């Protein structure tokens, strides 16, 4: 792999590890209004990201078309607010492992969907790697009790995870990772607040406890500001297909950090699943592929999407 691809892989991996750790933070926010908490999280993140957006950010935003603004609104609604609310709704009637298993299938969907929309055949290594990652994610999380509603909302969470990568592809180049992250966080904060007013009314926000404040700041600063920028920088370098492979690290990271707050254990099944995820990432990202001659640049190192 070229240096640019290695950097992209490391950035995508770091982003997904941070997101997985956020699941542990979520367990500390069970009593806080969910949509209101997401509005706070994204609002704080937006304020922190705006200074990092770079000079000319306002002019860039003014140059966006209505279609691009619509895509940004859809990215925030589907890939961020919708994803989070779908997870919450699924866990009302299903054990947390159920939506986790569905979300773990996102690499398979992206590995097939992105090439089809670009009118090309899915790459066999990417599909095989995605299947291994999905199997590993399922092994890490296991399965649990659910009903029809839990499955429907889990499918919604899967669509949200896929949308977070796929919908962003056309607007990543004109905005760049930092401005894209700042913009969608601002939009998501407004959308989450509106959803909270509909769902919770006047109780959408309240003063968080010290523990809740720490969890919200972790989600805003570490998971959102650092995680989102790293994710889109990684996707910019290696493409959505390969970047999404690293989402298999989300349940691995969650399983590793859960014992720290007493909300889970890490045993043989989690270890075996982690190895499968690692093998899938290595296979699909090209790490296990043969090195090509330097005179002929490897096409697999060119981002799969623009």
Foldseek 3Di string as FASTA:
>chain_A
DDPLLVLLQVLLLLLLLLLLLLVLLVVLCPPAQQLLLLLLQLVLLLVVLVVVQDPPLVVLVVPDDPVLVVLLLCLLCQQPVQLSVLLVQLVVFFPSLQLQLLLLLLLQCLQQVLQVVVVHGRDPLLNQLSVLLSVLSCLQSPGTGGDPRSNVSSNSNNRNNNSNAVSCQVVCVSRPQRSSLSVSSNSNSVVSVVVLCVVPNPSSDDDDDPSNVVSSCSCRPPNRNSSSSSLSSSCQFQNSSLSSLSNSCSSLSNQVCNVVVPNHHQDDSNVVSVVSSVVSSCRNSCVPPDDDDPVDDDPNRHHPGD
